[in-house]
């Protein structure tokens, strides 16, 4: 079933396996997919004498297999055949089970994972064509290996269509914990861990000592501004720690990038990878998947406290926490997120093939989403609050050529309407006439811009009405020794190239203030 070239590559990958890893298959006698799975796993197992496959019949339940390490459960299981993008998830599951994976989190993150309360039965419903699903599957598989009270099953939605229908899943990846939905869409280890901590709680160890880390400069945030600030600081010979939820930040959710000068064309995933590679060329201490719990910026020595008992201290802090997608903030919006309301057309657009959808927002992101969706949906309606579209001319011109795309300007979304399980319509008000009408849709994609990630700094720094951190032309904030750069600030034009420049400026200002004895 597997191509010979793939089998040859797997032989090289698994050549150094030390543990005996077994794929323990359970299936019903007459399962129509069992022969296909047997062919797949037998081929896969043939690439190493450390890989084995066993089969056992059962009377009910879907076709699945779990991973055993030296005949002991790992907590990792797959329901369906992990082909497509999930093939990598299976390879990593084997390597991580053997202890050879390169993507294990550091000791602090592992401590947080081990502290999750209770027994967690995790399930992730995926599409084998989804490019974002493997990130969630691989992160939850890692958690299963780290915490023996966690079990995780990847479920191919195409092989479990009745379940998908019963659970009203309209977007993938869709992750459940003990039967309760806790995550839909793109995600990484840090995000998923935070959501599980919020849902299940953590066992705190009152006797454990906090981990204190001291630096010359702390950079908070790993997007273009944060990466630039860290690199410029390191180039000055200062000890710098970069604390971030994820390297790349919001860039990870961006598709085509064609305006980063000297780079004619790239994408968000590639740019985030490039940022991490560039950071690795300097003596920068990187702390990824961190969630900031509290800050104290008003003293000479600044303190940043992260969940998990880490405390970062330095006389200078550069804030580059960026921004996140805005929500509509109307009734029942939260209820229907993942059940008709979405933020990524690439992840969830395929669920609306041949259907009627809306895109809220007429900026570049909104028009790009509308054009993408018009290729697969029956009809796309763009709803823009302003008098005119804000997208680049080239996007507007492209939209005008599409016969199944309608645009409504001066239109305000006032409410989300659903039947209790999924969205069915929007209430939209004409801002010129104040007439409100109900517009029926199968799905809605929200693309209304970004909101500054500044919540944890409230009460510490001066901010605008939009909760952006106020900075001067040197990226200095209202407190000495505290600087800010990029989309979290009041600097106009939220662009990657601008954020990079602002990050460099903040680092140079911090160094200059250090030389002058200001900090």
Protein backbone atom coordinates (compact mmCIF):
# COMPACT_ATOMS: atom_id res chain seq x y z
CA UNK A 1 0.00 0.00 0.00
CA UNK A 2 2.87 2.36 0.80
CA UNK A 3 5.16 3.47 -2.00
CA UNK A 4 8.63 1.88 -1.98
CA UNK A 5 10.34 5.26 -1.76
CA UNK A 6 8.33 6.04 1.38
CA UNK A 7 9.22 2.67 2.87
CA UNK A 8 12.91 3.33 2.20
CA UNK A 9 12.67 6.70 3.96
CA UNK A 10 10.93 5.11 6.94
CA UNK A 11 13.68 2.50 7.24
CA UNK A 12 16.18 5.31 7.65
CA UNK A 13 14.00 7.21 10.13
CA UNK A 14 13.39 4.13 12.30
CA UNK A 15 16.88 2.65 12.05
CA UNK A 16 17.78 3.72 15.58
CA UNK A 17 14.61 2.64 17.39
CA UNK A 18 15.39 1.13 20.80
CA UNK A 19 11.94 0.14 22.10
CA UNK A 20 9.53 -2.45 20.79
CA UNK A 21 6.51 -0.52 19.56
CA UNK A 22 3.31 -2.37 18.80
CA UNK A 23 0.28 -1.20 16.83
CA UNK A 24 -2.51 -3.03 18.66
CA UNK A 25 -5.48 -3.13 16.28
CA UNK A 26 -9.07 -3.77 17.40
CA UNK A 27 -11.74 -4.35 14.79
CA UNK A 28 -15.07 -5.96 14.12
CA UNK A 29 -14.94 -9.12 12.08
CA UNK A 30 -16.75 -7.66 9.07
CA UNK A 31 -15.26 -4.16 9.15
CA UNK A 32 -14.94 -3.04 5.53
CA UNK A 33 -11.75 -1.07 6.24
CA UNK A 34 -9.79 -3.76 8.10
CA UNK A 35 -8.00 -5.12 5.03
CA UNK A 36 -6.91 -1.63 4.01
CA UNK A 37 -5.63 -0.91 7.53
CA UNK A 38 -3.82 -4.25 7.64
CA UNK A 39 -2.04 -3.48 4.38
CA UNK A 40 -1.10 -0.02 5.67
CA UNK A 41 0.23 -1.12 9.07
CA UNK A 42 1.93 -4.24 7.77
CA UNK A 43 3.85 -2.10 5.27
CA UNK A 44 4.62 0.48 7.94
CA UNK A 45 5.81 -2.16 10.42
CA UNK A 46 8.02 -3.81 7.81
CA UNK A 47 10.42 -0.85 7.99
CA UNK A 48 11.89 -1.88 11.37
CA UNK A 49 12.22 -5.06 13.42
CA UNK A 50 11.19 -2.91 16.42
CA UNK A 51 7.71 -2.30 14.95
CA UNK A 52 5.00 -4.92 15.39
CA UNK A 53 1.28 -5.24 14.66
CA UNK A 54 -1.32 -7.32 16.48
CA UNK A 55 -5.00 -7.82 15.67
CA UNK A 56 -7.95 -8.54 17.92
CA UNK A 57 -11.62 -8.83 17.05
CA UNK A 58 -14.30 -7.02 19.06
CA UNK A 59 -18.06 -7.00 18.90
CA UNK A 60 -18.69 -3.26 18.60
CA UNK A 61 -16.96 0.08 18.10
CA UNK A 62 -15.02 1.58 15.22
CA UNK A 63 -11.78 0.37 13.75
CA UNK A 64 -8.83 1.64 15.81
CA UNK A 65 -5.31 0.89 16.93
CA UNK A 66 -3.27 2.08 19.88
CA UNK A 67 0.48 2.30 20.42
CA UNK A 68 2.20 0.13 23.00
CA UNK A 69 5.78 0.62 24.17
CA UNK A 70 7.35 -2.65 25.28
CA UNK A 71 3.76 -3.95 25.68
CA UNK A 72 2.72 -1.01 27.91
CA UNK A 73 0.00 1.49 26.84
CA UNK A 74 1.20 4.94 25.75
CA UNK A 75 -2.21 6.63 25.71
CA UNK A 76 -1.97 7.26 21.94
CA UNK A 77 -4.56 5.81 19.57
CA UNK A 78 -5.76 6.31 16.00
CA UNK A 79 -9.28 5.63 14.74
CA UNK A 80 -9.09 5.35 11.00
CA UNK A 81 -6.07 5.13 8.70
CA UNK A 82 -3.64 8.01 9.35
CA UNK A 83 -2.92 8.80 5.73
CA UNK A 84 -2.58 12.25 4.20
CA UNK A 85 -1.30 14.91 6.56
CA UNK A 86 -1.75 12.60 9.55
CA UNK A 87 0.94 10.24 8.24
CA UNK A 88 3.47 12.56 9.89
CA UNK A 89 1.52 12.31 13.16
CA UNK A 90 1.98 8.54 13.14
CA UNK A 91 5.73 8.82 12.42
CA UNK A 92 6.18 11.33 15.24
CA UNK A 93 4.09 9.19 17.59
CA UNK A 94 6.52 6.33 17.04
CA UNK A 95 9.62 8.51 17.51
CA UNK A 96 8.22 10.25 20.58
CA UNK A 97 7.14 6.96 22.12
CA UNK A 98 10.72 5.75 21.69
CA UNK A 99 12.03 8.96 23.27
CA UNK A 100 13.71 10.18 20.08
CA UNK A 101 11.29 12.93 19.14
CA UNK A 102 12.69 16.44 18.72
CA UNK A 103 9.45 18.23 19.63
CA UNK A 104 9.19 17.43 23.35
CA UNK A 105 8.53 20.56 25.43
CA UNK A 106 10.95 21.71 28.11
CA UNK A 107 10.75 20.74 31.77
CA UNK A 108 8.51 23.66 32.79
CA UNK A 109 5.85 22.85 30.18
CA UNK A 110 6.05 19.17 31.07
CA UNK A 111 5.42 20.10 34.70
CA UNK A 112 2.26 21.95 33.69
CA UNK A 113 1.07 18.98 31.64
CA UNK A 114 1.66 16.58 34.53
CA UNK A 115 -0.27 18.92 36.84
CA UNK A 116 -3.53 18.71 34.85
CA UNK A 117 -6.31 17.42 37.10
CA UNK A 118 -8.16 14.14 36.67
CA UNK A 119 -8.28 11.49 33.98
CA UNK A 120 -8.53 13.06 30.55
CA UNK A 121 -10.02 11.16 27.61
CA UNK A 122 -9.13 13.33 24.61
CA UNK A 123 -10.45 12.91 21.07
CA UNK A 124 -9.58 14.94 18.00
CA UNK A 125 -11.74 14.71 14.89
CA UNK A 126 -9.70 15.50 11.77
CA UNK A 127 -9.81 15.63 8.02
CA UNK A 128 -6.87 13.87 6.39
CA UNK A 129 -6.58 16.83 3.98
CA UNK A 130 -6.44 19.42 6.78
CA UNK A 131 -3.01 21.06 7.10
CA UNK A 132 -3.74 22.35 10.63
CA UNK A 133 -5.01 19.10 12.15
CA UNK A 134 -1.59 17.43 12.64
CA UNK A 135 -0.41 20.23 14.95
CA UNK A 136 -3.28 19.52 17.36
CA UNK A 137 -2.98 15.73 17.06
CA UNK A 138 0.77 15.79 17.67
CA UNK A 139 0.49 18.15 20.65
CA UNK A 140 -2.17 16.01 22.37
CA UNK A 141 -0.21 12.84 21.61
CA UNK A 142 2.77 14.41 23.41
CA UNK A 143 0.58 15.18 26.42
CA UNK A 144 -0.47 11.52 26.53
CA UNK A 145 3.17 10.44 26.71
CA UNK A 146 4.00 12.98 29.42
CA UNK A 147 0.96 12.50 31.67
CA UNK A 148 -0.17 8.87 32.27
CA UNK A 149 -3.67 10.13 33.12
CA UNK A 150 -4.20 11.41 29.57
CA UNK A 151 -5.35 9.31 26.62
CA UNK A 152 -5.74 10.74 23.13
CA UNK A 153 -7.38 9.34 20.01
CA UNK A 154 -7.14 10.83 16.52
CA UNK A 155 -10.42 10.17 14.68
CA UNK A 156 -10.72 10.41 10.91
CA UNK A 157 -13.96 12.35 10.45
CA UNK A 158 -14.46 10.77 7.04
CA UNK A 159 -14.69 7.34 8.70
CA UNK A 160 -16.89 8.55 11.54
CA UNK A 161 -19.48 10.62 9.69
CA UNK A 162 -22.36 9.72 11.99
CA UNK A 163 -20.38 10.89 15.04
CA UNK A 164 -19.41 14.09 13.25
CA UNK A 165 -23.08 14.68 12.45
CA UNK A 166 -24.28 13.85 15.97
CA UNK A 167 -21.70 16.20 17.51
CA UNK A 168 -22.52 18.86 14.89
CA UNK A 169 -18.85 19.30 14.02
CA UNK A 170 -18.51 21.91 11.27
CA UNK A 171 -14.81 22.61 11.52
CA UNK A 172 -11.60 20.69 12.12
CA UNK A 173 -9.57 19.95 14.04
CA UNK A 174 -12.27 19.52 16.68
CA UNK A 175 -10.92 18.40 20.07
CA UNK A 176 -12.98 17.00 22.93
CA UNK A 177 -12.08 16.30 26.55
CA UNK A 178 -14.23 13.78 28.42
CA UNK A 179 -16.98 14.35 25.86
CA UNK A 180 -16.87 18.16 26.05
CA UNK A 181 -15.65 20.30 23.16
CA UNK A 182 -12.66 22.42 24.20
CA UNK A 183 -10.91 23.39 20.98
CA UNK A 184 -11.80 23.93 17.32
CA UNK A 185 -9.42 25.00 14.57
CA UNK A 186 -5.75 25.81 14.40
CA UNK A 187 -3.82 25.30 17.64
CA UNK A 188 -0.48 24.47 19.17
CA UNK A 189 0.79 22.89 22.38
CA UNK A 190 0.73 26.09 24.42
CA UNK A 191 -2.79 27.02 23.35
CA UNK A 192 -4.18 23.52 23.96
CA UNK A 193 -2.50 23.26 27.35
CA UNK A 194 -3.97 26.59 28.42
CA UNK A 195 -7.45 25.49 27.32
CA UNK A 196 -7.17 22.21 29.22
CA UNK A 197 -5.94 24.05 32.32
CA UNK A 198 -8.94 26.37 32.09
CA UNK A 199 -11.32 23.42 31.62
CA UNK A 200 -9.91 20.86 34.07
CA UNK A 201 -7.72 22.86 36.45
CA UNK A 202 -4.25 22.02 37.72
CA UNK A 203 -2.87 20.42 40.84
CA UNK A 204 -0.69 23.05 42.46
CA UNK A 205 2.38 22.05 44.42
CA UNK A 206 2.62 24.56 47.25
CA UNK A 207 6.04 23.22 48.24
CA UNK A 208 7.63 23.65 44.82
CA UNK A 209 10.10 26.49 44.48
CA UNK A 210 9.49 29.00 41.67
CA UNK A 211 12.03 28.94 38.84
CA UNK A 212 13.69 32.36 38.72
CA UNK A 213 15.52 33.41 35.56
CA UNK A 214 17.54 36.64 35.36
CA UNK A 215 18.40 38.56 32.19
CA UNK A 216 19.61 41.94 31.00
CA UNK A 217 16.53 42.24 28.77
CA UNK A 218 13.30 40.24 28.59
CA UNK A 219 11.36 40.24 25.32
CA UNK A 220 7.72 39.22 25.68
CA UNK A 221 6.26 37.94 22.42
CA UNK A 222 7.67 35.87 19.56
CA UNK A 223 6.24 37.48 16.43
CA UNK A 224 8.16 39.66 13.95
CA UNK A 225 8.57 42.50 16.49
CA UNK A 226 9.66 40.22 19.33
CA UNK A 227 12.09 38.24 17.18
CA UNK A 228 13.63 41.44 15.83
CA UNK A 229 13.97 42.91 19.34
CA UNK A 230 15.63 39.75 20.66
CA UNK A 231 18.09 39.54 17.77
CA UNK A 232 19.10 43.22 18.02
CA UNK A 233 19.53 42.88 21.79
CA UNK A 234 21.68 39.76 21.43
CA UNK A 235 23.83 41.53 18.84
CA UNK A 236 24.65 44.11 21.51
CA UNK A 237 26.10 41.37 23.69
CA UNK A 238 23.33 41.46 26.29
CA UNK A 239 21.79 38.39 27.88
CA UNK A 240 18.24 38.23 26.49
CA UNK A 241 15.33 35.91 27.23
CA UNK A 242 12.42 35.66 24.80
CA UNK A 243 9.15 34.57 26.43
CA UNK A 244 6.34 33.74 23.99
CA UNK A 245 3.20 31.69 23.51
CA UNK A 246 4.42 30.72 20.03
CA UNK A 247 7.19 31.84 17.73
CA UNK A 248 5.73 33.73 14.80
CA UNK A 249 2.67 34.87 16.76
CA UNK A 250 -0.19 35.94 14.53
CA UNK A 251 2.03 35.37 11.48
CA UNK A 252 1.27 31.65 11.86
CA UNK A 253 -2.33 32.37 10.83
CA UNK A 254 -1.35 34.30 7.69
CA UNK A 255 -1.33 32.64 4.28
CA UNK A 256 0.32 34.46 1.39
CA UNK A 257 2.85 37.21 2.24
CA UNK A 258 3.97 39.27 -0.75
CA UNK A 259 4.92 42.62 0.79
CA UNK A 260 7.90 41.70 2.97
CA UNK A 261 10.60 43.66 1.19
CA UNK A 262 13.28 41.50 -0.53
CA UNK A 263 11.13 38.38 -0.05
CA UNK A 264 8.79 38.37 -3.07
CA UNK A 265 6.59 35.59 -1.76
CA UNK A 266 6.31 33.49 1.40
CA UNK A 267 3.65 32.29 3.83
CA UNK A 268 3.06 32.56 7.55
CA UNK A 269 4.21 29.07 8.46
CA UNK A 270 7.45 29.49 6.54
CA UNK A 271 8.11 32.95 7.98
CA UNK A 272 7.57 31.66 11.53
CA UNK A 273 10.05 28.84 10.81
CA UNK A 274 12.54 31.34 9.41
CA UNK A 275 12.19 33.56 12.49
CA UNK A 276 12.95 30.60 14.75
CA UNK A 277 15.99 29.66 12.67
CA UNK A 278 17.30 33.23 12.83
CA UNK A 279 16.79 33.38 16.60
CA UNK A 280 18.76 30.14 16.95
CA UNK A 281 21.84 31.74 15.39
CA UNK A 282 22.24 34.01 18.44
CA UNK A 283 22.65 33.23 22.18
CA UNK A 284 18.99 33.97 22.85
CA UNK A 285 17.29 31.91 25.55
CA UNK A 286 13.92 30.95 24.13
CA UNK A 287 10.92 30.09 26.32
CA UNK A 288 8.02 29.08 24.08
CA UNK A 289 4.46 28.03 25.02
CA UNK A 290 4.49 30.38 28.01
CA UNK A 291 1.35 32.10 29.30
CA UNK A 292 2.00 35.32 31.21
CA UNK A 293 0.14 35.25 34.54
CA UNK A 294 1.19 38.63 36.01
CA UNK A 295 3.73 41.42 35.67
CA UNK A 296 5.38 44.03 37.88
CA UNK A 297 6.95 46.74 35.75
CA UNK A 298 7.01 49.69 38.13
CA UNK A 299 10.18 48.75 40.03
CA UNK A 300 13.77 49.02 38.81
CA UNK A 301 13.92 45.26 38.38
CA UNK A 302 10.95 44.19 36.27
CA UNK A 303 9.23 40.88 36.91
CA UNK A 304 7.30 38.70 34.45
CA UNK A 305 5.56 35.70 36.01
CA UNK A 306 4.48 32.82 33.73
CA UNK A 307 2.12 29.95 34.50
CA UNK A 308 3.99 26.93 35.80
CA UNK A 309 6.03 28.74 38.43
CA UNK A 310 8.52 30.61 36.25
CA UNK A 311 9.62 34.16 37.11
CA UNK A 312 11.66 36.23 34.67
CA UNK A 313 13.55 39.28 35.97
CA UNK A 314 15.42 42.06 34.17
CA UNK A 315 15.94 45.83 34.34
CA UNK A 316 14.49 46.15 30.82
CA UNK A 317 11.41 44.62 29.23
CA UNK A 318 10.35 44.85 25.59
CA UNK A 319 6.65 44.04 25.07
CA UNK A 320 5.84 42.63 21.63
CA UNK A 321 2.75 40.52 22.32
CA UNK A 322 1.01 41.48 19.09
CA UNK A 323 -2.71 41.20 18.47
CA UNK A 324 -5.46 38.59 18.02
CA UNK A 325 -8.50 38.26 15.77
CA UNK A 326 -11.39 40.45 16.84
CA UNK A 327 -14.79 38.93 17.49
CA UNK A 328 -18.21 40.37 16.71
CA UNK A 329 -19.21 40.61 20.39
CA UNK A 330 -22.88 40.04 19.65
CA UNK A 331 -25.37 37.67 21.25
CA UNK A 332 -24.72 33.92 20.92
CA UNK A 333 -21.48 34.43 18.99
CA UNK A 334 -19.49 32.30 21.44
CA UNK A 335 -22.13 29.57 21.35
CA UNK A 336 -21.78 29.07 17.60
CA UNK A 337 -18.01 29.35 17.20
CA UNK A 338 -17.07 26.16 15.40
CA UNK A 339 -20.77 25.57 14.69
CA UNK A 340 -21.23 28.05 11.88
CA UNK A 341 -18.88 30.85 12.97
CA UNK A 342 -15.27 30.51 11.87
CA UNK A 343 -12.08 32.55 11.59
CA UNK A 344 -10.06 30.53 9.05
CA UNK A 345 -11.44 29.81 5.60
CA UNK A 346 -8.57 27.45 4.82
CA UNK A 347 -9.38 25.20 7.79
CA UNK A 348 -13.15 25.23 7.67
CA UNK A 349 -14.11 26.45 4.20
CA UNK A 350 -14.27 22.91 2.73
CA UNK A 351 -17.19 22.11 5.05
CA UNK A 352 -19.26 24.68 3.13
CA UNK A 353 -18.71 23.42 -0.40
CA UNK A 354 -21.79 24.30 -2.44
CA UNK A 355 -23.32 26.28 0.42
CA UNK A 356 -24.17 29.89 1.24
CA UNK A 357 -21.66 31.73 3.44
CA UNK A 358 -20.90 35.24 4.66
CA UNK A 359 -17.59 36.97 5.23
CA UNK A 360 -17.71 39.81 7.74
CA UNK A 361 -15.08 42.42 6.98
CA UNK A 362 -14.00 44.17 3.81
CA UNK A 363 -10.28 44.58 4.47
CA UNK A 364 -7.53 42.52 2.85
CA UNK A 365 -8.16 39.48 5.06
CA UNK A 366 -11.90 39.61 4.42
CA UNK A 367 -11.63 39.92 0.66
CA UNK A 368 -8.95 37.23 0.44
CA UNK A 369 -11.26 34.92 2.39
CA UNK A 370 -14.24 35.80 0.20
CA UNK A 371 -12.30 35.15 -3.01
CA UNK A 372 -11.04 31.81 -1.68
CA UNK A 373 -14.52 30.73 -0.57
CA UNK A 374 -16.11 31.79 -3.86
CA UNK A 375 -14.18 28.98 -5.52
CA UNK A 376 -16.01 26.28 -3.54
CA UNK A 377 -19.21 27.85 -2.16
CA UNK A 378 -22.48 28.40 -3.96
CA UNK A 379 -22.64 32.03 -2.85
CA UNK A 380 -20.46 34.36 -0.77
CA UNK A 381 -21.72 37.58 0.80
CA UNK A 382 -19.29 40.19 2.13
CA UNK A 383 -20.65 42.38 4.94
CA UNK A 384 -18.60 45.55 5.56
CA UNK A 385 -19.32 48.06 8.34
CA UNK A 386 -17.74 51.05 6.56
CA UNK A 387 -18.94 53.02 3.58
CA UNK A 388 -16.37 51.43 1.30
CA UNK A 389 -14.19 48.34 1.20
CA UNK A 390 -10.72 48.72 2.76
CA UNK A 391 -9.02 45.98 0.76
CA UNK A 392 -6.28 46.63 -1.78
CA UNK A 393 -7.49 47.56 -5.25
CA UNK A 394 -6.20 44.34 -6.78
CA UNK A 395 -8.41 42.31 -4.43
CA UNK A 396 -11.46 44.47 -5.09
CA UNK A 397 -10.97 44.12 -8.82
CA UNK A 398 -10.70 40.35 -8.50
CA UNK A 399 -13.88 40.23 -6.41
CA UNK A 400 -15.80 42.15 -9.05
CA UNK A 401 -15.12 39.41 -11.58
CA UNK A 402 -16.81 36.74 -9.44
CA UNK A 403 -20.48 36.20 -10.22
CA UNK A 404 -21.25 34.39 -6.95
CA UNK A 405 -19.88 37.12 -4.67
CA UNK A 406 -22.07 39.96 -3.33
CA UNK A 407 -20.85 42.92 -1.28
CA UNK A 408 -22.86 44.97 1.23
CA UNK A 409 -21.21 48.09 2.66
CA UNK A 410 -22.57 50.32 5.47
CA UNK A 411 -23.85 47.11 7.05
CA UNK A 412 -23.59 46.20 10.73
CA UNK A 413 -23.92 42.64 12.04
CA UNK A 414 -26.13 42.97 15.12
CA UNK A 415 -26.89 39.39 16.09
CA UNK A 416 -26.13 35.74 15.44
CA UNK A 417 -29.12 33.46 14.95
CA UNK A 418 -29.07 29.67 15.34
CA UNK A 419 -31.25 26.66 16.01
CA UNK A 420 -29.47 25.70 19.22
CA UNK A 421 -26.86 23.49 17.55
CA UNK A 422 -25.67 25.52 14.57
CA UNK A 423 -25.81 29.00 13.08
CA UNK A 424 -28.62 29.62 10.60
CA UNK A 425 -28.63 33.37 9.97
CA UNK A 426 -27.35 36.85 10.85
CA UNK A 427 -29.22 40.01 11.76
CA UNK A 428 -27.75 42.82 9.66
CA UNK A 429 -28.60 46.53 9.96
CA UNK A 430 -28.31 49.00 7.10
CA UNK A 431 -26.42 51.88 8.75
CA UNK A 432 -27.92 54.46 6.36
CA UNK A 433 -31.58 53.55 6.85
CA UNK A 434 -31.41 51.72 10.21
CA UNK A 435 -33.49 48.95 8.63
CA UNK A 436 -32.57 45.56 10.05
CA UNK A 437 -33.04 42.30 8.20
CA UNK A 438 -32.34 38.62 8.67
CA UNK A 439 -29.94 37.04 6.18
CA UNK A 440 -29.75 33.24 6.09
CA UNK A 441 -26.32 31.59 5.88
CA UNK A 442 -24.88 28.14 6.36
CA UNK A 443 -21.61 29.55 7.70
CA UNK A 444 -19.95 32.84 8.62
CA UNK A 445 -16.27 33.74 8.49
CA UNK A 446 -15.27 36.67 10.71
CA UNK A 447 -12.44 38.84 9.35
CA UNK A 448 -12.72 42.19 11.15
CA UNK A 449 -9.16 42.88 12.13
CA UNK A 450 -7.07 42.53 15.26
CA UNK A 451 -7.19 43.53 18.94
CA UNK A 452 -4.04 44.29 20.93
CA UNK A 453 -2.88 41.54 23.33
CA UNK A 454 -2.36 43.95 26.22
CA UNK A 455 -4.71 42.69 28.93
CA UNK A 456 -2.00 41.56 31.37
CA UNK A 457 -0.33 45.01 31.20
CA UNK A 458 -3.44 47.00 32.17
CA UNK A 459 -2.83 49.09 35.26
CA UNK A 460 0.89 49.10 34.57
CA UNK A 461 1.17 51.15 31.37
CA UNK A 462 -0.66 54.01 29.66
CA UNK A 463 -2.94 52.78 26.87
CA UNK A 464 -5.23 54.15 24.19
CA UNK A 465 -9.00 53.67 24.11
CA UNK A 466 -8.32 50.64 21.87
CA UNK A 467 -6.11 49.16 24.64
CA UNK A 468 -2.96 49.67 22.58
CA UNK A 469 0.18 50.46 24.60
CA UNK A 470 1.23 54.06 24.09
CA UNK A 471 4.81 54.49 22.88
CA UNK A 472 6.91 57.44 21.75
CA UNK A 473 9.09 57.58 18.63
CA UNK A 474 11.74 55.53 20.48
CA UNK A 475 9.28 52.77 21.50
CA UNK A 476 9.47 53.91 25.14
CA UNK A 477 6.32 53.43 27.21
CA UNK A 478 5.11 55.43 30.21
CA UNK A 479 7.53 53.54 32.50
CA UNK A 480 11.34 53.74 32.37
CA UNK A 481 12.92 50.48 31.27
CA UNK A 482 9.75 49.28 29.55
CA UNK A 483 9.46 49.37 25.77
CA UNK A 484 6.84 48.11 23.35
CA UNK A 485 6.83 47.32 19.64
CA UNK A 486 4.57 46.06 16.89
CA UNK A 487 0.82 45.45 16.78
CA UNK A 488 0.34 45.74 20.56
CA UNK A 489 1.23 49.45 20.36
CA UNK A 490 -0.44 52.57 19.00
CA UNK A 491 1.96 52.72 16.04
CA UNK A 492 -0.16 53.01 12.87
CA UNK A 493 -0.22 50.39 10.12
CA UNK A 494 -0.11 46.86 11.46
CA UNK A 495 2.33 45.34 8.99
CA UNK A 496 5.03 42.68 9.36
CA UNK A 497 7.76 44.89 7.98
CA UNK A 498 6.79 47.73 10.35
CA UNK A 499 6.71 45.40 13.35
CA UNK A 500 10.22 44.19 12.54
CA UNK A 501 11.48 47.76 12.37
CA UNK A 502 9.76 48.71 15.61
CA UNK A 503 11.26 45.68 17.36
CA UNK A 504 14.75 46.74 16.29
CA UNK A 505 14.05 50.30 17.42
CA UNK A 506 12.86 49.15 20.85
CA UNK A 507 16.02 47.06 21.33
CA UNK A 508 18.27 49.95 20.32
CA UNK A 509 16.42 52.31 22.66
CA UNK A 510 16.82 49.87 25.56
CA UNK A 511 20.54 49.56 24.85
CA UNK A 512 20.94 53.33 24.59
CA UNK A 513 19.12 53.87 27.90
CA UNK A 514 21.37 51.27 29.50
CA UNK A 515 24.49 53.09 28.29
CA UNK A 516 23.18 56.42 29.61
CA UNK A 517 22.37 54.94 33.02
CA UNK A 518 18.63 55.52 32.66
CA UNK A 519 18.01 51.83 33.43
